[in-house]
Amino acid sequence: MLQQIQLIRKRLKKLNKTSKVLMKAGLWCLLALTSASAILAVYNMLAPAEFSNLPLLIQSLFTYGFLVWAELTVGAVILDIVFQ
């Protein structure tokens, strides 16, 4: 298990600068959209009758956060492989 983690860290260090920037941007998008959905979920618990479509918005933010993260991560890896 430790050898696999070290192998992953070694390969991540070899990535191009552009790929690293894309991966970091994806992580920040994931954190931002997940945080926004968590804040809206708490708001929905405190005042549930104000906006009827809020649960759908919370679910969409959470889902799209992971989709953007996955797309940017896979795109960064593909760019690194193509331009290596």
Protein backbone atom coordinates (compact mmCIF):
# COMPACT_ATOMS: atom_id res chain seq x y z
CA MET A 1 0.00 0.00 0.00
CA LEU A 2 2.79 2.39 0.92
CA GLN A 3 4.64 1.59 -2.31
CA GLN A 4 1.53 2.42 -4.34
CA ILE A 5 1.14 5.77 -2.60
CA GLN A 6 4.79 6.56 -3.22
CA LEU A 7 4.38 5.63 -6.89
CA ILE A 8 1.37 7.97 -7.20
CA ARG A 9 3.28 10.83 -5.54
CA LYS A 10 6.26 10.20 -7.84
CA ARG A 11 4.09 10.34 -10.96
CA LEU A 12 2.24 13.44 -9.78
CA LYS A 13 5.54 15.25 -9.29
CA LYS A 14 6.46 14.50 -12.91
CA LEU A 15 3.36 16.24 -14.33
CA ASN A 16 3.72 19.35 -16.48
CA LYS A 17 3.02 22.72 -14.92
CA THR A 18 -0.15 23.17 -16.99
CA SER A 19 -1.50 19.83 -15.83
CA LYS A 20 -0.79 20.68 -12.21
CA VAL A 21 -2.60 24.02 -12.58
CA LEU A 22 -5.62 22.28 -14.12
CA MET A 23 -5.73 19.74 -11.31
CA LYS A 24 -5.53 22.47 -8.68
CA ALA A 25 -8.27 24.45 -10.43
CA GLY A 26 -10.46 21.35 -10.44
CA LEU A 27 -9.87 20.83 -6.75
CA TRP A 28 -10.75 24.46 -5.99
CA CYS A 29 -13.94 24.16 -8.05
CA LEU A 30 -14.83 21.01 -6.14
CA LEU A 31 -14.27 22.71 -2.80
CA ALA A 32 -16.15 25.87 -3.80
CA LEU A 33 -19.22 24.14 -5.21
CA THR A 34 -19.37 21.57 -2.39
CA SER A 35 -19.05 24.33 0.20
CA ALA A 36 -21.79 26.33 -1.51
CA SER A 37 -24.08 23.31 -1.50
CA ALA A 38 -23.35 22.69 2.19
CA ILE A 39 -24.13 26.30 3.07
CA LEU A 40 -27.36 26.16 1.08
CA ALA A 41 -28.29 22.87 2.75
CA VAL A 42 -27.95 24.46 6.18
CA TYR A 43 -29.94 27.46 4.99
CA ASN A 44 -32.63 25.12 3.66
CA MET A 45 -32.85 23.41 7.06
CA LEU A 46 -33.29 26.73 8.83
CA ALA A 47 -35.80 28.30 6.39
CA PRO A 48 -37.26 25.50 4.23
CA ALA A 49 -40.33 27.36 2.88
CA GLU A 50 -38.65 30.31 1.17
CA PHE A 51 -37.42 28.72 -2.05
CA SER A 52 -39.04 25.49 -3.20
CA ASN A 53 -36.34 24.47 -5.71
CA LEU A 54 -33.47 24.77 -3.24
CA PRO A 55 -32.98 20.99 -2.76
CA LEU A 56 -32.56 20.59 -6.52
CA LEU A 57 -30.05 23.45 -6.56
CA ILE A 58 -28.10 21.87 -3.69
CA GLN A 59 -28.00 18.52 -5.45
CA SER A 60 -26.96 20.12 -8.74
CA LEU A 61 -24.13 22.13 -7.16
CA PHE A 62 -22.81 19.03 -5.41
CA THR A 63 -23.02 16.90 -8.55
CA TYR A 64 -21.51 19.50 -10.87
CA GLY A 65 -18.67 20.12 -8.42
CA PHE A 66 -17.60 16.50 -8.77
CA LEU A 67 -18.14 16.52 -12.52
CA VAL A 68 -15.94 19.59 -13.02
CA TRP A 69 -13.27 18.11 -10.76
CA ALA A 70 -13.29 14.79 -12.64
CA GLU A 71 -13.23 16.44 -16.05
CA LEU A 72 -10.34 18.74 -15.18
CA THR A 73 -8.36 15.94 -13.54
CA VAL A 74 -8.80 13.55 -16.46
CA GLY A 75 -8.14 16.37 -18.92
CA ALA A 76 -4.93 17.28 -17.11
CA VAL A 77 -3.71 13.69 -17.22
CA ILE A 78 -4.56 13.40 -20.93
CA LEU A 79 -2.79 16.68 -21.70
CA ASP A 80 0.26 15.49 -19.81
CA ILE A 81 0.32 12.22 -21.74
CA VAL A 82 -0.16 13.92 -25.11
CA PHE A 83 2.45 16.64 -24.61
CA GLN A 84 5.06 14.54 -22.88
